[in-house]
Amino acid sequence: MNSKRDHRMSEESVPETGEIILLNFTGANNPGITSVVTKILADYNASILDLGAANIHNSLSLAVMFEADPTKSGDILKSLLFKSSELGIFLKFTSISHDEYQNWCSQHGKNKYIVTVLGRKLKPHHIALVTKVLSDKNINIEAIMRLTGRINIDQKQNKSCFEMILRGDIDANFLHQQFMELSLKHNFDISIQKESMFRTMRRVICFDMDSTLIQTEVIDELAERAGVGDQVKQITESAMRGEIDFTESLKKRVSLLKGLDTSVMQDIASNLPITDGMERLIKILKTAGYKLCILSGG
């Protein structure tokens, strides 16, 4: 899995005289490790080509790719190995050929997508389902990050969210369809977005009403009160199968509500169940300055 920071690196060719080495440090995350490692590289006038780190429960994973004079690389590794032993961390190093490095550089700027996985309490099989779809299409994951706070295992109901970064020749429409099916079948949310400068600059948020802002379909509630619930559901299912279009299905469903007292509509409106977390979400979005709107076919 490559570092998500590869977009920061220069795409300039590395001189053929330089030796490229990838360092992987693992161990307890104590202060000063990165400082010590980079100080040794600086002492030998090495150039850092990439740098990335992750910390999970005080367990550090630090990766550094550098280029140095081949006559000095042995001394650099010797110094790093001694210092790693002093710090109580493990060091693995790998020599990278110039062709391998330049091929890696050539991937910079290619299609980059963000997959977001969200649920009340995500379990391993949720992540396994998503990553199986990616694996079947030979898509590699560059990075995975937790977006929510640290999970409190003493709470009965948690909300957890993870973000995956993908890059390459990706059929986003296919993945969207696969993720939609998983989401409906296993009751968790998945989204895929192409990464661009506009992804985080959007200022208008649009919501559907039924089964999004609220946990029900209003027309189904009206149909139940009118005693035609099963008939309306059959028409809805027929429309979802593509047997009739939306306009026709809406006309058929509404026609079955003829004679229903208008007071029923007010009663239903006053008791619509708001989707869990929606009030908090809207409050946060408004605080952040977003404009909100509702789009509804009803």
C-alpha atoms as a PDB file:
ATOM      1  CA  MET A   1       0.000   0.000   0.000  1.00  0.00           C
ATOM      2  CA  ASN A   2       1.604   3.264  -1.089  1.00  0.00           C
ATOM      3  CA  SER A   3       1.556   6.475   0.918  1.00  0.00           C
ATOM      4  CA  LYS A   4      -1.295   8.874   0.149  1.00  0.00           C
ATOM      5  CA  ARG A   5       1.301  11.642   0.079  1.00  0.00           C
ATOM      6  CA  ASP A   6       2.767  10.685  -3.280  1.00  0.00           C
ATOM      7  CA  HIS A   7       1.129  13.767  -4.806  1.00  0.00           C
ATOM      8  CA  ARG A   8       3.613  15.938  -2.911  1.00  0.00           C
ATOM      9  CA  MET A   9       6.707  14.421  -4.418  1.00  0.00           C
ATOM     10  CA  SER A  10       8.599  15.753  -7.409  1.00  0.00           C
ATOM     11  CA  GLU A  11       8.334  13.939 -10.706  1.00  0.00           C
ATOM     12  CA  GLU A  12      11.839  14.955 -11.741  1.00  0.00           C
ATOM     13  CA  SER A  13      14.051  12.064 -12.800  1.00  0.00           C
ATOM     14  CA  VAL A  14      16.473  10.724 -10.213  1.00  0.00           C
ATOM     15  CA  PRO A  15      20.093  10.819 -11.418  1.00  0.00           C
ATOM     16  CA  GLU A  16      21.305   7.414 -12.603  1.00  0.00           C
ATOM     17  CA  THR A  17      24.231   7.700 -10.193  1.00  0.00           C
ATOM     18  CA  GLY A  18      21.934   7.751  -7.164  1.00  0.00           C
ATOM     19  CA  GLU A  19      20.779   4.683  -5.235  1.00  0.00           C
ATOM     20  CA  ILE A  20      17.147   4.556  -4.142  1.00  0.00           C
ATOM     21  CA  ILE A  21      16.223   2.769  -0.921  1.00  0.00           C
ATOM     22  CA  LEU A  22      12.879   2.320   0.817  1.00  0.00           C
ATOM     23  CA  LEU A  23      12.954   2.195   4.626  1.00  0.00           C
ATOM     24  CA  ASN A  24      10.137   0.680   6.706  1.00  0.00           C
ATOM     25  CA  PHE A  25      10.238   1.279  10.460  1.00  0.00           C
ATOM     26  CA  THR A  26       7.800  -0.441  12.837  1.00  0.00           C
ATOM     27  CA  GLY A  27       7.537  -0.406  16.613  1.00  0.00           C
ATOM     28  CA  ALA A  28       6.344   1.647  19.558  1.00  0.00           C
ATOM     29  CA  ASN A  29       5.518   5.231  18.623  1.00  0.00           C
ATOM     30  CA  ASN A  30       7.882   7.244  20.791  1.00  0.00           C
ATOM     31  CA  PRO A  31       8.804  10.922  20.310  1.00  0.00           C
ATOM     32  CA  GLY A  32      11.860  11.710  18.201  1.00  0.00           C
ATOM     33  CA  ILE A  33      11.952   8.739  15.814  1.00  0.00           C
ATOM     34  CA  THR A  34      11.315  10.750  12.647  1.00  0.00           C
ATOM     35  CA  SER A  35      13.753  13.417  13.811  1.00  0.00           C
ATOM     36  CA  VAL A  36      16.538  10.883  14.350  1.00  0.00           C
ATOM     37  CA  VAL A  37      15.961   9.132  11.012  1.00  0.00           C
ATOM     38  CA  THR A  38      15.897  12.317   8.949  1.00  0.00           C
ATOM     39  CA  LYS A  39      18.960  13.690  10.811  1.00  0.00           C
ATOM     40  CA  ILE A  40      20.985  10.651   9.719  1.00  0.00           C
ATOM     41  CA  LEU A  41      19.843  11.083   6.120  1.00  0.00           C
ATOM     42  CA  ALA A  42      20.736  14.777   6.271  1.00  0.00           C
ATOM     43  CA  ASP A  43      24.220  13.984   7.597  1.00  0.00           C
ATOM     44  CA  TYR A  44      24.887  11.984   4.426  1.00  0.00           C
ATOM     45  CA  ASN A  45      23.260  14.566   2.134  1.00  0.00           C
ATOM     46  CA  ALA A  46      20.550  12.116   1.036  1.00  0.00           C
ATOM     47  CA  SER A  47      17.374  13.303  -0.698  1.00  0.00           C
ATOM     48  CA  ILE A  48      13.953  12.279   0.619  1.00  0.00           C
ATOM     49  CA  LEU A  49      11.714  11.127  -2.237  1.00  0.00           C
ATOM     50  CA  ASP A  50       8.707  10.135  -0.143  1.00  0.00           C
ATOM     51  CA  LEU A  51       7.712  10.064   3.503  1.00  0.00           C
ATOM     52  CA  GLY A  52       4.636   8.661   5.273  1.00  0.00           C
ATOM     53  CA  ALA A  53       3.617   7.492   8.739  1.00  0.00           C
ATOM     54  CA  ALA A  54       0.648   5.934  10.523  1.00  0.00           C
ATOM     55  CA  ASN A  55      -0.010   5.292  14.196  1.00  0.00           C
ATOM     56  CA  ILE A  56      -2.541   2.770  15.503  1.00  0.00           C
ATOM     57  CA  HIS A  57      -2.737   2.277  19.276  1.00  0.00           C
ATOM     58  CA  ASN A  58       0.795   3.626  19.777  1.00  0.00           C
ATOM     59  CA  SER A  59       2.157   1.286  17.113  1.00  0.00           C
ATOM     60  CA  LEU A  60       4.167   3.194  14.504  1.00  0.00           C
ATOM     61  CA  SER A  61       4.582   2.416  10.834  1.00  0.00           C
ATOM     62  CA  LEU A  62       7.008   4.875   9.217  1.00  0.00           C
ATOM     63  CA  ALA A  63       8.132   4.681   5.587  1.00  0.00           C
ATOM     64  CA  VAL A  64      10.896   6.763   4.028  1.00  0.00           C
ATOM     65  CA  MET A  65      12.151   6.536   0.458  1.00  0.00           C
ATOM     66  CA  PHE A  66      15.473   8.269  -0.176  1.00  0.00           C
ATOM     67  CA  GLU A  67      18.126   8.658  -2.844  1.00  0.00           C
ATOM     68  CA  ALA A  68      21.817   8.849  -1.969  1.00  0.00           C
ATOM     69  CA  ASP A  69      25.320   8.481  -3.324  1.00  0.00           C
ATOM     70  CA  PRO A  70      25.885   4.691  -3.746  1.00  0.00           C
ATOM     71  CA  THR A  71      29.226   5.006  -1.961  1.00  0.00           C
ATOM     72  CA  LYS A  72      27.429   6.293   1.142  1.00  0.00           C
ATOM     73  CA  SER A  73      24.331   4.066   1.210  1.00  0.00           C
ATOM     74  CA  GLY A  74      26.062   1.317   3.192  1.00  0.00           C
ATOM     75  CA  ASP A  75      27.094   3.747   5.932  1.00  0.00           C
ATOM     76  CA  ILE A  76      23.595   5.252   5.982  1.00  0.00           C
ATOM     77  CA  LEU A  77      21.975   1.850   6.507  1.00  0.00           C
ATOM     78  CA  LYS A  78      24.546   0.922   9.145  1.00  0.00           C
ATOM     79  CA  SER A  79      23.807   4.111  11.097  1.00  0.00           C
ATOM     80  CA  LEU A  80      20.051   3.602  10.766  1.00  0.00           C
ATOM     81  CA  LEU A  81      20.243  -0.022  11.925  1.00  0.00           C
ATOM     82  CA  PHE A  82      22.274   0.901  15.013  1.00  0.00           C
ATOM     83  CA  LYS A  83      19.933   3.762  15.861  1.00  0.00           C
ATOM     84  CA  SER A  84      16.850   1.568  15.318  1.00  0.00           C
ATOM     85  CA  SER A  85      18.264  -0.958  17.762  1.00  0.00           C
ATOM     86  CA  GLU A  86      18.810   1.806  20.327  1.00  0.00           C
ATOM     87  CA  LEU A  87      15.241   3.035  19.874  1.00  0.00           C
ATOM     88  CA  GLY A  88      13.749  -0.457  20.069  1.00  0.00           C
ATOM     89  CA  ILE A  89      12.170  -0.347  16.616  1.00  0.00           C
ATOM     90  CA  PHE A  90      12.452  -2.710  13.667  1.00  0.00           C
ATOM     91  CA  LEU A  91      13.919  -1.581  10.327  1.00  0.00           C
ATOM     92  CA  LYS A  92      13.415  -3.249   6.965  1.00  0.00           C
ATOM     93  CA  PHE A  93      15.052  -1.770   3.863  1.00  0.00           C
ATOM     94  CA  THR A  94      14.505  -2.467   0.166  1.00  0.00           C
ATOM     95  CA  SER A  95      16.538  -1.350  -2.828  1.00  0.00           C
ATOM     96  CA  ILE A  96      14.401   0.246  -5.554  1.00  0.00           C
ATOM     97  CA  SER A  97      15.567   0.250  -9.172  1.00  0.00           C
ATOM     98  CA  HIS A  98      15.361   3.445 -11.214  1.00  0.00           C
ATOM     99  CA  ASP A  99      12.854   1.811 -13.573  1.00  0.00           C
ATOM    100  CA  GLU A 100      10.631   0.805 -10.648  1.00  0.00           C
ATOM    101  CA  TYR A 101      10.816   4.296  -9.225  1.00  0.00           C
ATOM    102  CA  GLN A 102      10.070   6.038 -12.506  1.00  0.00           C
ATOM    103  CA  ASN A 103       7.139   3.691 -13.135  1.00  0.00           C
ATOM    104  CA  TRP A 104       5.791   4.606  -9.688  1.00  0.00           C
ATOM    105  CA  CYS A 105       6.227   8.303 -10.503  1.00  0.00           C
ATOM    106  CA  SER A 106       4.283   7.838 -13.732  1.00  0.00           C
ATOM    107  CA  GLN A 107       1.209   6.829 -11.697  1.00  0.00           C
ATOM    108  CA  HIS A 108       1.065  10.327 -10.220  1.00  0.00           C
ATOM    109  CA  GLY A 109      -1.880  12.327 -11.507  1.00  0.00           C
ATOM    110  CA  LYS A 110      -3.850   9.304 -12.695  1.00  0.00           C
ATOM    111  CA  ASN A 111      -7.478   8.829 -11.712  1.00  0.00           C
ATOM    112  CA  LYS A 112      -7.897   8.939  -7.960  1.00  0.00           C
ATOM    113  CA  TYR A 113     -11.086   7.911  -6.187  1.00  0.00           C
ATOM    114  CA  ILE A 114     -12.304   8.068  -2.603  1.00  0.00           C
ATOM    115  CA  VAL A 115     -14.453   5.265  -1.174  1.00  0.00           C
ATOM    116  CA  THR A 116     -16.231   6.077   2.097  1.00  0.00           C
ATOM    117  CA  VAL A 117     -17.704   3.298   4.252  1.00  0.00           C
ATOM    118  CA  LEU A 118     -20.112   4.325   7.027  1.00  0.00           C
ATOM    119  CA  GLY A 119     -22.197   2.390   9.537  1.00  0.00           C
ATOM    120  CA  ARG A 120     -23.492   2.376  13.087  1.00  0.00           C
ATOM    121  CA  LYS A 121     -20.938  -0.263  13.987  1.00  0.00           C
ATOM    122  CA  LEU A 122     -18.885  -1.546  11.086  1.00  0.00           C
ATOM    123  CA  LYS A 123     -17.785  -5.150  11.390  1.00  0.00           C
ATOM    124  CA  PRO A 124     -14.985  -6.982   9.563  1.00  0.00           C
ATOM    125  CA  HIS A 125     -17.417  -8.501   7.060  1.00  0.00           C
ATOM    126  CA  HIS A 126     -18.502  -5.002   5.947  1.00  0.00           C
ATOM    127  CA  ILE A 127     -14.915  -4.086   5.093  1.00  0.00           C
ATOM    128  CA  ALA A 128     -14.380  -7.530   3.558  1.00  0.00           C
ATOM    129  CA  LEU A 129     -17.387  -7.068   1.257  1.00  0.00           C
ATOM    130  CA  VAL A 130     -16.154  -3.692  -0.004  1.00  0.00           C
ATOM    131  CA  THR A 131     -12.553  -4.755  -0.495  1.00  0.00           C
ATOM    132  CA  LYS A 132     -13.630  -7.995  -2.233  1.00  0.00           C
ATOM    133  CA  VAL A 133     -15.318  -5.877  -4.928  1.00  0.00           C
ATOM    134  CA  LEU A 134     -12.070  -3.930  -5.358  1.00  0.00           C
ATOM    135  CA  SER A 135      -9.920  -7.059  -5.348  1.00  0.00           C
ATOM    136  CA  ASP A 136     -12.082  -8.731  -7.999  1.00  0.00           C
ATOM    137  CA  LYS A 137     -11.398  -5.751 -10.295  1.00  0.00           C
ATOM    138  CA  ASN A 138      -7.677  -5.823  -9.433  1.00  0.00           C
ATOM    139  CA  ILE A 139      -7.873  -2.397  -7.776  1.00  0.00           C
ATOM    140  CA  ASN A 140      -5.220  -1.628  -5.181  1.00  0.00           C
ATOM    141  CA  ILE A 141      -5.929   0.468  -2.083  1.00  0.00           C
ATOM    142  CA  GLU A 142      -3.342   3.193  -1.498  1.00  0.00           C
ATOM    143  CA  ALA A 143      -4.442   4.198   1.983  1.00  0.00           C
ATOM    144  CA  ILE A 144      -7.164   3.593   4.579  1.00  0.00           C
ATOM    145  CA  MET A 145      -8.084   6.154   7.250  1.00  0.00           C
ATOM    146  CA  ARG A 146     -10.630   6.267  10.054  1.00  0.00           C
ATOM    147  CA  LEU A 147     -12.648   9.491   9.823  1.00  0.00           C
ATOM    148  CA  THR A 148     -14.666   9.119  13.012  1.00  0.00           C
ATOM    149  CA  GLY A 149     -13.348   9.369  16.556  1.00  0.00           C
ATOM    150  CA  ARG A 150     -11.780   6.445  18.342  1.00  0.00           C
ATOM    151  CA  ILE A 151     -14.382   3.736  18.864  1.00  0.00           C
ATOM    152  CA  ASN A 152     -15.641   3.292  22.429  1.00  0.00           C
ATOM    153  CA  ILE A 153     -16.305  -0.445  22.832  1.00  0.00           C
ATOM    154  CA  ASP A 154     -18.380   0.186  25.970  1.00  0.00           C
ATOM    155  CA  GLN A 155     -21.038   2.035  23.989  1.00  0.00           C
ATOM    156  CA  LYS A 156     -23.906  -0.098  22.708  1.00  0.00           C
ATOM    157  CA  GLN A 157     -24.140   1.831  19.454  1.00  0.00           C
ATOM    158  CA  ASN A 158     -21.182   3.375  17.684  1.00  0.00           C
ATOM    159  CA  LYS A 159     -20.913   5.252  14.435  1.00  0.00           C
ATOM    160  CA  SER A 160     -17.801   4.444  12.444  1.00  0.00           C
ATOM    161  CA  CYS A 161     -16.530   5.680   9.110  1.00  0.00           C
ATOM    162  CA  PHE A 162     -13.487   4.716   7.062  1.00  0.00           C
ATOM    163  CA  GLU A 163     -12.075   6.259   3.909  1.00  0.00           C
ATOM    164  CA  MET A 164     -10.151   4.333   1.260  1.00  0.00           C
ATOM    165  CA  ILE A 165      -8.020   5.954  -1.429  1.00  0.00           C
ATOM    166  CA  LEU A 166      -7.882   4.208  -4.810  1.00  0.00           C
ATOM    167  CA  ARG A 167      -5.935   5.113  -7.916  1.00  0.00           C
ATOM    168  CA  GLY A 168      -5.822   3.818 -11.471  1.00  0.00           C
ATOM    169  CA  ASP A 169      -8.088   2.835 -14.338  1.00  0.00           C
ATOM    170  CA  ILE A 170     -11.341   2.527 -12.380  1.00  0.00           C
ATOM    171  CA  ASP A 171     -14.873   1.952 -13.665  1.00  0.00           C
ATOM    172  CA  ALA A 172     -16.670   4.170 -11.157  1.00  0.00           C
ATOM    173  CA  ASN A 173     -20.131   3.354 -12.542  1.00  0.00           C
ATOM    174  CA  PHE A 174     -19.561  -0.370 -12.040  1.00  0.00           C
ATOM    175  CA  LEU A 175     -18.279   0.145  -8.496  1.00  0.00           C
ATOM    176  CA  HIS A 176     -21.197   2.448  -7.705  1.00  0.00           C
ATOM    177  CA  GLN A 177     -23.660  -0.264  -8.766  1.00  0.00           C
ATOM    178  CA  GLN A 178     -21.840  -2.951  -6.773  1.00  0.00           C
ATOM    179  CA  PHE A 179     -21.662  -0.760  -3.675  1.00  0.00           C
ATOM    180  CA  MET A 180     -25.346   0.154  -3.966  1.00  0.00           C
ATOM    181  CA  GLU A 181     -26.291  -3.532  -3.937  1.00  0.00           C
ATOM    182  CA  LEU A 182     -24.060  -4.210  -0.924  1.00  0.00           C
ATOM    183  CA  SER A 183     -25.472  -1.220   0.924  1.00  0.00           C
ATOM    184  CA  LEU A 184     -29.089  -2.288   0.441  1.00  0.00           C
ATOM    185  CA  LYS A 185     -28.418  -5.929   1.295  1.00  0.00           C
ATOM    186  CA  HIS A 186     -26.182  -5.439   4.337  1.00  0.00           C
ATOM    187  CA  ASN A 187     -27.522  -2.158   5.769  1.00  0.00           C
ATOM    188  CA  PHE A 188     -24.470   0.090   5.689  1.00  0.00           C
ATOM    189  CA  ASP A 189     -23.476   3.051   3.528  1.00  0.00           C
ATOM    190  CA  ILE A 190     -20.817   3.173   0.813  1.00  0.00           C
ATOM    191  CA  SER A 191     -19.959   6.026  -1.529  1.00  0.00           C
ATOM    192  CA  ILE A 192     -17.396   6.500  -4.278  1.00  0.00           C
ATOM    193  CA  GLN A 193     -16.244   9.911  -5.506  1.00  0.00           C
ATOM    194  CA  LYS A 194     -13.572  11.015  -7.927  1.00  0.00           C
ATOM    195  CA  GLU A 195     -10.952  13.027  -6.093  1.00  0.00           C
ATOM    196  CA  SER A 196     -10.528  16.568  -7.347  1.00  0.00           C
ATOM    197  CA  MET A 197     -10.207  20.083  -5.996  1.00  0.00           C
ATOM    198  CA  PHE A 198     -14.005  20.367  -6.207  1.00  0.00           C
ATOM    199  CA  ARG A 199     -14.748  17.354  -3.970  1.00  0.00           C
ATOM    200  CA  THR A 200     -14.214  19.312  -0.765  1.00  0.00           C
ATOM    201  CA  MET A 201     -15.377  22.686  -2.117  1.00  0.00           C
ATOM    202  CA  ARG A 202     -19.078  21.908  -2.514  1.00  0.00           C
ATOM    203  CA  ARG A 203     -21.312  24.292  -0.581  1.00  0.00           C
ATOM    204  CA  VAL A 204     -24.838  23.029  -1.404  1.00  0.00           C
ATOM    205  CA  ILE A 205     -26.157  19.768   0.069  1.00  0.00           C
ATOM    206  CA  CYS A 206     -29.323  18.251  -1.432  1.00  0.00           C
ATOM    207  CA  PHE A 207     -31.389  15.598   0.333  1.00  0.00           C
ATOM    208  CA  ASP A 208     -34.193  13.348  -0.822  1.00  0.00           C
ATOM    209  CA  MET A 209     -37.081  13.258   1.636  1.00  0.00           C
ATOM    210  CA  ASP A 210     -38.506   9.722   1.788  1.00  0.00           C
ATOM    211  CA  SER A 211     -36.207   7.096   3.331  1.00  0.00           C
ATOM    212  CA  THR A 212     -33.438   9.714   3.556  1.00  0.00           C
ATOM    213  CA  LEU A 213     -34.387  12.647   5.758  1.00  0.00           C
ATOM    214  CA  ILE A 214     -37.185  10.510   7.191  1.00  0.00           C
ATOM    215  CA  GLN A 215     -37.327   6.768   7.846  1.00  0.00           C
ATOM    216  CA  THR A 216     -40.440   6.053   5.805  1.00  0.00           C
ATOM    217  CA  GLU A 217     -42.204   6.578   2.469  1.00  0.00           C
ATOM    218  CA  VAL A 218     -44.994   9.129   2.946  1.00  0.00           C
ATOM    219  CA  ILE A 219     -47.187   7.692   0.201  1.00  0.00           C
ATOM    220  CA  ASP A 220     -46.999   4.277   1.883  1.00  0.00           C
ATOM    221  CA  GLU A 221     -48.131   5.831   5.165  1.00  0.00           C
ATOM    222  CA  LEU A 222     -51.063   7.506   3.399  1.00  0.00           C
ATOM    223  CA  ALA A 223     -51.943   4.253   1.651  1.00  0.00           C
ATOM    224  CA  GLU A 224     -52.030   2.362   4.948  1.00  0.00           C
ATOM    225  CA  ARG A 225     -54.472   4.919   6.359  1.00  0.00           C
ATOM    226  CA  ALA A 226     -56.603   4.598   3.206  1.00  0.00           C
ATOM    227  CA  GLY A 227     -56.605   0.810   3.453  1.00  0.00           C
ATOM    228  CA  VAL A 228     -54.751   0.307   0.158  1.00  0.00           C
ATOM    229  CA  GLY A 229     -51.245  -0.284   1.483  1.00  0.00           C
ATOM    230  CA  ASP A 230     -50.621  -3.585  -0.320  1.00  0.00           C
ATOM    231  CA  GLN A 231     -51.871  -2.240  -3.661  1.00  0.00           C
ATOM    232  CA  VAL A 232     -49.627   0.835  -3.476  1.00  0.00           C
ATOM    233  CA  LYS A 233     -46.592  -1.266  -2.553  1.00  0.00           C
ATOM    234  CA  GLN A 234     -47.202  -3.538  -5.551  1.00  0.00           C
ATOM    235  CA  ILE A 235     -47.255  -0.528  -7.881  1.00  0.00           C
ATOM    236  CA  THR A 236     -44.062   0.825  -6.288  1.00  0.00           C
ATOM    237  CA  GLU A 237     -42.282  -2.517  -6.738  1.00  0.00           C
ATOM    238  CA  SER A 238     -43.447  -2.689 -10.360  1.00  0.00           C
ATOM    239  CA  ALA A 239     -41.969   0.761 -10.999  1.00  0.00           C
ATOM    240  CA  MET A 240     -38.679  -0.200  -9.362  1.00  0.00           C
ATOM    241  CA  ARG A 241     -38.485  -3.219 -11.682  1.00  0.00           C
ATOM    242  CA  GLY A 242     -38.876  -0.845 -14.630  1.00  0.00           C
ATOM    243  CA  GLU A 243     -42.236  -2.258 -15.690  1.00  0.00           C
ATOM    244  CA  ILE A 244     -43.903   1.182 -15.500  1.00  0.00           C
ATOM    245  CA  ASP A 245     -42.357   4.653 -15.417  1.00  0.00           C
ATOM    246  CA  PHE A 246     -42.342   6.939 -12.402  1.00  0.00           C
ATOM    247  CA  THR A 247     -45.055   9.323 -13.631  1.00  0.00           C
ATOM    248  CA  GLU A 248     -47.485   6.499 -14.360  1.00  0.00           C
ATOM    249  CA  SER A 249     -46.778   4.772 -11.050  1.00  0.00           C
ATOM    250  CA  LEU A 250     -47.289   8.022  -9.128  1.00  0.00           C
ATOM    251  CA  LYS A 251     -50.648   8.644 -10.821  1.00  0.00           C
ATOM    252  CA  LYS A 252     -51.807   5.112 -10.054  1.00  0.00           C
ATOM    253  CA  ARG A 253     -50.782   5.324  -6.409  1.00  0.00           C
ATOM    254  CA  VAL A 254     -52.306   8.754  -5.839  1.00  0.00           C
ATOM    255  CA  SER A 255     -55.581   7.696  -7.491  1.00  0.00           C
ATOM    256  CA  LEU A 256     -55.951   5.000  -4.841  1.00  0.00           C
ATOM    257  CA  LEU A 257     -55.899   7.685  -2.131  1.00  0.00           C
ATOM    258  CA  LYS A 258     -59.069   9.345  -3.422  1.00  0.00           C
ATOM    259  CA  GLY A 259     -61.433  10.226  -0.570  1.00  0.00           C
ATOM    260  CA  LEU A 260     -58.764  10.241   2.153  1.00  0.00           C
ATOM    261  CA  ASP A 261     -59.433  13.044   4.644  1.00  0.00           C
ATOM    262  CA  THR A 262     -56.841  15.840   4.482  1.00  0.00           C
ATOM    263  CA  SER A 263     -56.515  15.761   8.289  1.00  0.00           C
ATOM    264  CA  VAL A 264     -54.733  12.427   7.888  1.00  0.00           C
ATOM    265  CA  MET A 265     -51.931  14.150   5.979  1.00  0.00           C
ATOM    266  CA  GLN A 266     -51.336  16.598   8.825  1.00  0.00           C
ATOM    267  CA  ASP A 267     -51.344  13.778  11.373  1.00  0.00           C
ATOM    268  CA  ILE A 268     -48.779  11.809   9.369  1.00  0.00           C
ATOM    269  CA  ALA A 269     -46.634  14.920   8.815  1.00  0.00           C
ATOM    270  CA  SER A 270     -46.569  15.592  12.556  1.00  0.00           C
ATOM    271  CA  ASN A 271     -45.316  12.088  13.316  1.00  0.00           C
ATOM    272  CA  LEU A 272     -42.793  11.379  10.563  1.00  0.00           C
ATOM    273  CA  PRO A 273     -39.770   9.541  12.041  1.00  0.00           C
ATOM    274  CA  ILE A 274     -36.576  11.546  11.444  1.00  0.00           C
ATOM    275  CA  THR A 275     -33.601   9.466  10.325  1.00  0.00           C
ATOM    276  CA  ASP A 276     -31.101   8.748  13.114  1.00  0.00           C
ATOM    277  CA  GLY A 277     -28.443  11.452  13.321  1.00  0.00           C
ATOM    278  CA  MET A 278     -30.143  13.705  10.771  1.00  0.00           C
ATOM    279  CA  GLU A 279     -30.820  16.567  13.190  1.00  0.00           C
ATOM    280  CA  ARG A 280     -27.173  16.581  14.280  1.00  0.00           C
ATOM    281  CA  LEU A 281     -25.983  16.385  10.660  1.00  0.00           C
ATOM    282  CA  ILE A 282     -28.117  19.348   9.577  1.00  0.00           C
ATOM    283  CA  LYS A 283     -26.994  21.395  12.573  1.00  0.00           C
ATOM    284  CA  ILE A 284     -23.327  20.746  11.768  1.00  0.00           C
ATOM    285  CA  LEU A 285     -23.788  21.494   8.056  1.00  0.00           C
ATOM    286  CA  LYS A 286     -25.487  24.795   8.824  1.00  0.00           C
ATOM    287  CA  THR A 287     -22.762  25.695  11.321  1.00  0.00           C
ATOM    288  CA  ALA A 288     -20.186  24.990   8.604  1.00  0.00           C
ATOM    289  CA  GLY A 289     -22.014  27.362   6.250  1.00  0.00           C
ATOM    290  CA  TYR A 290     -23.546  24.868   3.821  1.00  0.00           C
ATOM    291  CA  LYS A 291     -26.795  25.621   1.996  1.00  0.00           C
ATOM    292  CA  LEU A 292     -29.356  22.823   2.296  1.00  0.00           C
ATOM    293  CA  CYS A 293     -32.249  21.886   0.044  1.00  0.00           C
ATOM    294  CA  ILE A 294     -34.748  19.049  -0.341  1.00  0.00           C
ATOM    295  CA  LEU A 295     -35.470  17.309  -3.647  1.00  0.00           C
ATOM    296  CA  SER A 296     -38.550  15.092  -3.670  1.00  0.00           C
ATOM    297  CA  GLY A 297     -40.648  13.510  -6.384  1.00  0.00           C
ATOM    298  CA  GLY A 298     -43.680  13.618  -4.093  1.00  0.00           C
END
